[in-house]
């Protein structure tokens, strides 16, 4: 997911996506641990990076709001 698309969402939508992504990462890790061959190795990396992007956008918004006050 690109940062441009993340920034188009509201804070609440981003938080919901963060929660969903964290659950998906957990599911992927459990599949990997149980030696289920259906998990793609790069999927976990992609999800973690998307999660970091979402957290970054939220943090930027928090910093911008604090600077204005």
Foldseek 3Di string as FASTA:
>chain_A
DDLVVLLVDDLVVLVVVLVVLVVVLVVLVVCVVVVPPPRDPCVNVVSVVVNVSSVVSVVVVVVVVVVVD
